[in-house]
Amino acid sequence: MPRFVAVYTMKPEDVAAFRARPKSEQEAIDEAGLKAWEEWGARNAAAIVATDVMVGKTRRVTKTGIVDARNQIAGFLIVEAADITAAAGLFQDHPHITVFPGDGIDIMPVVTEPPRDEGP
């Protein structure tokens, strides 16, 4: 079955706005969100190939050196589904975008050969 990477994205300003809320609000959202995330995982367990990986601050390596960097990647997960539409459908009610201040979830096929430019 085809595999897909789901990349959780979060805008830095949305993270800052969340962190600016009173601690009690943050904790309530975290509690509700983690419970919902666990329930989402249980509902979709058959499709999940690798557990969620959440990521922290970024360091970018380029030809000119190593520097601190910012991006919107908050984490990722790998799932199996019949096609990209089915894979995307798994995430429509995901807590990353329904409870937490997540910006979106990008779904991409795992490829075993160089990707072809097939458009958006």
N, C-alpha and C. Protein backbone atom coordinates (compact mmCIF):
# COMPACT_ATOMS: atom_id res chain seq x y z
N MET A 1 0.86 -1.18 0.00
CA MET A 1 0.00 0.00 0.00
C MET A 1 0.90 1.24 0.00
N PRO A 2 0.53 2.27 -0.74
CA PRO A 2 1.33 3.49 -0.78
C PRO A 2 1.44 4.16 0.60
N ARG A 3 2.60 4.78 0.81
CA ARG A 3 2.85 5.50 2.06
C ARG A 3 2.91 6.99 1.81
N PHE A 4 2.50 7.75 2.83
CA PHE A 4 2.45 9.20 2.73
C PHE A 4 3.02 9.82 4.00
N VAL A 5 3.77 10.90 3.82
CA VAL A 5 4.28 11.66 4.95
C VAL A 5 3.29 12.81 5.19
N ALA A 6 2.88 12.95 6.43
CA ALA A 6 2.02 14.06 6.83
C ALA A 6 2.87 15.00 7.68
N VAL A 7 3.08 16.21 7.18
CA VAL A 7 3.92 17.18 7.88
C VAL A 7 3.02 18.21 8.56
N TYR A 8 3.13 18.28 9.88
CA TYR A 8 2.36 19.24 10.65
C TYR A 8 3.05 20.61 10.56
N THR A 9 2.29 21.64 10.18
CA THR A 9 2.87 22.97 10.09
C THR A 9 2.21 23.90 11.10
N MET A 10 3.00 24.88 11.54
CA MET A 10 2.51 25.84 12.52
C MET A 10 3.27 27.14 12.31
N LYS A 11 2.54 28.23 12.11
CA LYS A 11 3.17 29.53 11.90
C LYS A 11 3.78 30.02 13.22
N PRO A 12 4.98 30.60 13.15
CA PRO A 12 5.60 31.11 14.38
C PRO A 12 4.71 32.10 15.14
N GLU A 13 3.97 32.93 14.41
CA GLU A 13 3.11 33.89 15.10
C GLU A 13 1.94 33.21 15.81
N ASP A 14 1.50 32.05 15.30
CA ASP A 14 0.43 31.31 15.97
C ASP A 14 0.95 30.66 17.25
N VAL A 15 2.19 30.17 17.21
CA VAL A 15 2.81 29.62 18.41
C VAL A 15 2.95 30.73 19.46
N ALA A 16 3.43 31.89 19.03
CA ALA A 16 3.60 33.02 19.95
C ALA A 16 2.27 33.43 20.57
N ALA A 17 1.21 33.47 19.78
CA ALA A 17 -0.11 33.84 20.30
C ALA A 17 -0.59 32.80 21.31
N PHE A 18 -0.33 31.54 21.04
CA PHE A 18 -0.71 30.48 21.97
C PHE A 18 0.06 30.64 23.29
N ARG A 19 1.35 30.88 23.19
CA ARG A 19 2.19 31.04 24.38
C ARG A 19 1.86 32.31 25.16
N ALA A 20 1.22 33.28 24.52
CA ALA A 20 0.84 34.53 25.18
C ALA A 20 -0.44 34.37 26.00
N ARG A 21 -1.17 33.28 25.78
CA ARG A 21 -2.39 33.04 26.55
C ARG A 21 -2.03 32.75 28.01
N PRO A 22 -2.97 32.93 28.91
CA PRO A 22 -2.71 32.56 30.31
C PRO A 22 -2.34 31.08 30.40
N LYS A 23 -1.44 30.77 31.31
CA LYS A 23 -0.95 29.40 31.48
C LYS A 23 -2.10 28.41 31.65
N SER A 24 -3.14 28.80 32.37
CA SER A 24 -4.27 27.90 32.60
C SER A 24 -4.97 27.56 31.29
N GLU A 25 -5.09 28.54 30.37
CA GLU A 25 -5.69 28.27 29.06
C GLU A 25 -4.82 27.33 28.24
N GLN A 26 -3.51 27.58 28.26
CA GLN A 26 -2.59 26.71 27.53
C GLN A 26 -2.70 25.27 28.02
N GLU A 27 -2.74 25.12 29.33
CA GLU A 27 -2.83 23.78 29.92
C GLU A 27 -4.14 23.10 29.56
N ALA A 28 -5.24 23.85 29.55
CA ALA A 28 -6.54 23.28 29.19
C ALA A 28 -6.55 22.84 27.73
N ILE A 29 -5.98 23.66 26.86
CA ILE A 29 -5.90 23.30 25.43
C ILE A 29 -5.00 22.08 25.26
N ASP A 30 -3.86 22.07 25.93
CA ASP A 30 -2.96 20.92 25.85
C ASP A 30 -3.65 19.64 26.30
N GLU A 31 -4.37 19.72 27.41
CA GLU A 31 -5.05 18.53 27.94
C GLU A 31 -6.10 18.02 26.94
N ALA A 32 -6.94 18.92 26.45
CA ALA A 32 -7.97 18.52 25.48
C ALA A 32 -7.33 18.03 24.18
N GLY A 33 -6.31 18.73 23.74
CA GLY A 33 -5.66 18.37 22.48
C GLY A 33 -4.96 17.02 22.54
N LEU A 34 -4.26 16.76 23.63
CA LEU A 34 -3.56 15.48 23.75
C LEU A 34 -4.55 14.31 23.82
N LYS A 35 -5.66 14.52 24.51
CA LYS A 35 -6.71 13.49 24.58
C LYS A 35 -7.28 13.24 23.17
N ALA A 36 -7.58 14.32 22.46
CA ALA A 36 -8.12 14.20 21.10
C ALA A 36 -7.11 13.55 20.17
N TRP A 37 -5.83 13.87 20.34
CA TRP A 37 -4.77 13.30 19.49
C TRP A 37 -4.68 11.80 19.73
N GLU A 38 -4.76 11.39 20.99
CA GLU A 38 -4.74 9.97 21.32
C GLU A 38 -5.93 9.24 20.70
N GLU A 39 -7.11 9.86 20.79
CA GLU A 39 -8.31 9.27 20.19
C GLU A 39 -8.19 9.20 18.67
N TRP A 40 -7.64 10.26 18.06
CA TRP A 40 -7.44 10.25 16.61
C TRP A 40 -6.50 9.10 16.24
N GLY A 41 -5.43 8.93 16.99
CA GLY A 41 -4.47 7.86 16.73
C GLY A 41 -5.11 6.48 16.84
N ALA A 42 -5.96 6.30 17.82
CA ALA A 42 -6.64 5.01 17.99
C ALA A 42 -7.58 4.73 16.82
N ARG A 43 -8.32 5.78 16.36
CA ARG A 43 -9.24 5.61 15.23
C ARG A 43 -8.50 5.27 13.94
N ASN A 44 -7.28 5.77 13.81
CA ASN A 44 -6.54 5.62 12.55
C ASN A 44 -5.33 4.70 12.68
N ALA A 45 -5.29 3.91 13.73
CA ALA A 45 -4.13 3.05 14.01
C ALA A 45 -3.77 2.14 12.85
N ALA A 46 -4.74 1.63 12.14
CA ALA A 46 -4.46 0.70 11.04
C ALA A 46 -3.68 1.37 9.91
N ALA A 47 -3.80 2.68 9.78
CA ALA A 47 -3.11 3.40 8.70
C ALA A 47 -1.76 3.95 9.12
N ILE A 48 -1.50 4.02 10.42
CA ILE A 48 -0.27 4.66 10.90
C ILE A 48 0.90 3.69 10.81
N VAL A 49 1.93 4.11 10.07
CA VAL A 49 3.13 3.29 9.87
C VAL A 49 4.20 3.64 10.89
N ALA A 50 4.35 4.92 11.19
CA ALA A 50 5.35 5.39 12.15
C ALA A 50 4.70 6.39 13.08
N THR A 51 5.06 6.34 14.34
CA THR A 51 4.45 7.24 15.31
C THR A 51 4.82 8.69 15.03
N ASP A 52 4.02 9.59 15.61
CA ASP A 52 4.27 11.02 15.45
C ASP A 52 5.67 11.38 15.92
N VAL A 53 6.29 12.26 15.17
CA VAL A 53 7.58 12.83 15.56
C VAL A 53 7.39 14.34 15.59
N MET A 54 7.52 14.94 16.76
CA MET A 54 7.42 16.39 16.87
C MET A 54 8.85 16.93 16.87
N VAL A 55 9.04 18.12 16.31
CA VAL A 55 10.39 18.66 16.17
C VAL A 55 10.50 20.03 16.84
N GLY A 56 11.73 20.40 17.15
CA GLY A 56 12.00 21.67 17.82
C GLY A 56 12.68 22.66 16.88
N LYS A 57 13.54 23.48 17.46
CA LYS A 57 14.20 24.55 16.71
C LYS A 57 15.08 23.97 15.60
N THR A 58 15.23 24.77 14.55
CA THR A 58 15.90 24.32 13.34
C THR A 58 17.31 24.89 13.21
N ARG A 59 18.19 24.09 12.72
CA ARG A 59 19.52 24.51 12.31
C ARG A 59 19.67 24.07 10.86
N ARG A 60 19.98 25.00 9.98
CA ARG A 60 20.07 24.72 8.54
C ARG A 60 21.53 24.60 8.13
N VAL A 61 21.81 23.56 7.34
CA VAL A 61 23.15 23.34 6.79
C VAL A 61 23.09 23.65 5.30
N THR A 62 23.95 24.56 4.85
CA THR A 62 24.01 24.93 3.44
C THR A 62 25.46 24.84 2.97
N LYS A 63 25.67 25.10 1.70
CA LYS A 63 27.03 25.10 1.16
C LYS A 63 27.91 26.14 1.83
N THR A 64 27.29 27.19 2.36
CA THR A 64 28.06 28.28 2.97
C THR A 64 28.20 28.16 4.48
N GLY A 65 27.59 27.17 5.09
CA GLY A 65 27.75 27.00 6.53
C GLY A 65 26.50 26.52 7.24
N ILE A 66 26.54 26.65 8.55
CA ILE A 66 25.45 26.20 9.42
C ILE A 66 24.90 27.41 10.16
N VAL A 67 23.57 27.59 10.09
CA VAL A 67 22.93 28.74 10.71
C VAL A 67 21.62 28.33 11.38
N ASP A 68 21.20 29.12 12.36
CA ASP A 68 19.87 28.92 12.93
C ASP A 68 18.86 29.32 11.87
N ALA A 69 17.74 28.64 11.83
CA ALA A 69 16.72 28.92 10.81
C ALA A 69 15.34 28.76 11.42
N ARG A 70 14.34 29.26 10.71
CA ARG A 70 12.95 29.11 11.12
C ARG A 70 12.17 28.51 9.96
N ASN A 71 11.26 27.63 10.27
CA ASN A 71 10.33 27.12 9.28
C ASN A 71 9.02 26.80 10.01
N GLN A 72 8.05 26.32 9.28
CA GLN A 72 6.74 26.05 9.88
C GLN A 72 6.55 24.58 10.26
N ILE A 73 7.59 23.77 10.13
CA ILE A 73 7.45 22.34 10.42
C ILE A 73 7.42 22.11 11.93
N ALA A 74 6.35 21.47 12.39
CA ALA A 74 6.19 21.17 13.80
C ALA A 74 6.38 19.68 14.08
N GLY A 75 6.25 18.84 13.06
CA GLY A 75 6.41 17.41 13.23
C GLY A 75 5.93 16.68 12.00
N PHE A 76 5.95 15.33 12.08
CA PHE A 76 5.49 14.54 10.95
C PHE A 76 5.05 13.15 11.39
N LEU A 77 4.37 12.47 10.49
CA LEU A 77 3.84 11.13 10.71
C LEU A 77 3.81 10.44 9.36
N ILE A 78 3.95 9.14 9.33
CA ILE A 78 3.84 8.39 8.08
C ILE A 78 2.62 7.47 8.18
N VAL A 79 1.79 7.52 7.13
CA VAL A 79 0.60 6.67 7.07
C VAL A 79 0.56 5.90 5.76
N GLU A 80 -0.24 4.86 5.73
CA GLU A 80 -0.53 4.12 4.51
C GLU A 80 -1.97 4.39 4.12
N ALA A 81 -2.19 4.57 2.83
CA ALA A 81 -3.55 4.79 2.32
C ALA A 81 -3.58 4.42 0.85
N ALA A 82 -4.77 4.23 0.33
CA ALA A 82 -4.93 3.83 -1.07
C ALA A 82 -4.35 4.87 -2.02
N ASP A 83 -4.53 6.16 -1.68
CA ASP A 83 -4.01 7.24 -2.53
C ASP A 83 -3.90 8.50 -1.68
N ILE A 84 -3.43 9.57 -2.29
CA ILE A 84 -3.20 10.81 -1.54
C ILE A 84 -4.50 11.43 -1.02
N THR A 85 -5.58 11.25 -1.75
CA THR A 85 -6.88 11.77 -1.30
C THR A 85 -7.32 11.04 -0.03
N ALA A 86 -7.17 9.73 -0.02
CA ALA A 86 -7.53 8.95 1.17
C ALA A 86 -6.61 9.31 2.34
N ALA A 87 -5.33 9.50 2.06
CA ALA A 87 -4.39 9.88 3.12
C ALA A 87 -4.77 11.23 3.70
N ALA A 88 -5.08 12.20 2.86
CA ALA A 88 -5.47 13.53 3.33
C ALA A 88 -6.75 13.45 4.16
N GLY A 89 -7.67 12.60 3.75
CA GLY A 89 -8.93 12.45 4.47
C GLY A 89 -8.75 12.01 5.91
N LEU A 90 -7.68 11.28 6.19
CA LEU A 90 -7.42 10.84 7.56
C LEU A 90 -7.21 12.02 8.51
N PHE A 91 -6.78 13.15 7.97
CA PHE A 91 -6.36 14.27 8.79
C PHE A 91 -7.36 15.41 8.89
N GLN A 92 -8.53 15.27 8.27
CA GLN A 92 -9.50 16.36 8.26
C GLN A 92 -9.93 16.80 9.66
N ASP A 93 -9.98 15.86 10.60
CA ASP A 93 -10.42 16.20 11.96
C ASP A 93 -9.27 16.11 12.96
N HIS A 94 -8.05 16.22 12.48
CA HIS A 94 -6.88 16.04 13.35
C HIS A 94 -6.76 17.19 14.36
N PRO A 95 -6.45 16.88 15.61
CA PRO A 95 -6.34 17.90 16.65
C PRO A 95 -5.27 18.97 16.38
N HIS A 96 -4.29 18.67 15.55
CA HIS A 96 -3.27 19.68 15.24
C HIS A 96 -3.93 20.94 14.67
N ILE A 97 -5.02 20.74 13.89
CA ILE A 97 -5.70 21.89 13.28
C ILE A 97 -7.07 22.19 13.91
N THR A 98 -7.60 21.27 14.71
CA THR A 98 -8.92 21.51 15.30
C THR A 98 -8.85 21.95 16.76
N VAL A 99 -7.75 21.66 17.45
CA VAL A 99 -7.61 22.03 18.86
C VAL A 99 -6.38 22.92 19.06
N PHE A 100 -5.25 22.46 18.57
CA PHE A 100 -4.00 23.22 18.72
C PHE A 100 -3.92 24.31 17.65
N PRO A 101 -2.98 25.24 17.79
CA PRO A 101 -2.88 26.34 16.82
C PRO A 101 -2.14 25.95 15.54
N GLY A 102 -2.30 24.72 15.10
CA GLY A 102 -1.63 24.28 13.89
C GLY A 102 -2.17 24.99 12.66
N ASP A 103 -1.29 25.26 11.73
CA ASP A 103 -1.63 25.96 10.49
C ASP A 103 -2.21 25.01 9.46
N GLY A 104 -1.65 23.80 9.37
CA GLY A 104 -2.11 22.84 8.38
C GLY A 104 -1.34 21.55 8.50
N ILE A 105 -1.68 20.61 7.62
CA ILE A 105 -0.99 19.33 7.55
C ILE A 105 -0.77 19.04 6.07
N ASP A 106 0.49 19.01 5.66
CA ASP A 106 0.83 18.75 4.26
C ASP A 106 1.03 17.25 4.06
N ILE A 107 0.35 16.70 3.06
CA ILE A 107 0.43 15.27 2.77
C ILE A 107 1.24 15.08 1.49
N MET A 108 2.27 14.23 1.56
CA MET A 108 3.14 13.99 0.42
C MET A 108 3.40 12.50 0.27
N PRO A 109 3.39 11.98 -0.96
CA PRO A 109 3.70 10.58 -1.14
C PRO A 109 5.17 10.30 -0.85
N VAL A 110 5.44 9.13 -0.29
CA VAL A 110 6.81 8.65 -0.15
C VAL A 110 7.17 8.05 -1.50
N VAL A 111 8.26 8.50 -2.08
CA VAL A 111 8.65 8.02 -3.40
C VAL A 111 9.91 7.18 -3.30
N THR A 112 10.02 6.22 -4.20
CA THR A 112 11.19 5.35 -4.23
C THR A 112 12.07 5.66 -5.43
N GLU A 113 11.64 6.60 -6.24
CA GLU A 113 12.45 7.06 -7.37
C GLU A 113 12.33 8.58 -7.39
N PRO A 114 13.16 9.26 -8.16
CA PRO A 114 13.06 10.72 -8.18
C PRO A 114 11.64 11.16 -8.53
N PRO A 115 11.11 12.13 -7.77
CA PRO A 115 9.74 12.60 -8.04
C PRO A 115 9.62 13.29 -9.38
N ARG A 116 8.48 13.12 -10.02
CA ARG A 116 8.19 13.80 -11.28
C ARG A 116 7.38 15.04 -10.97
N ASP A 117 7.59 16.08 -11.72
CA ASP A 117 6.84 17.31 -11.53
C ASP A 117 5.44 17.11 -12.11
N GLU A 118 4.48 16.86 -11.20
CA GLU A 118 3.11 16.60 -11.62
C GLU A 118 2.20 17.78 -11.29
N GLY A 119 2.78 18.90 -10.90
CA GLY A 119 1.96 20.07 -10.56
C GLY A 119 1.48 19.99 -9.13
N PRO A 120 0.73 20.99 -8.69
CA PRO A 120 0.26 21.06 -7.29
C PRO A 120 -0.76 19.99 -6.95
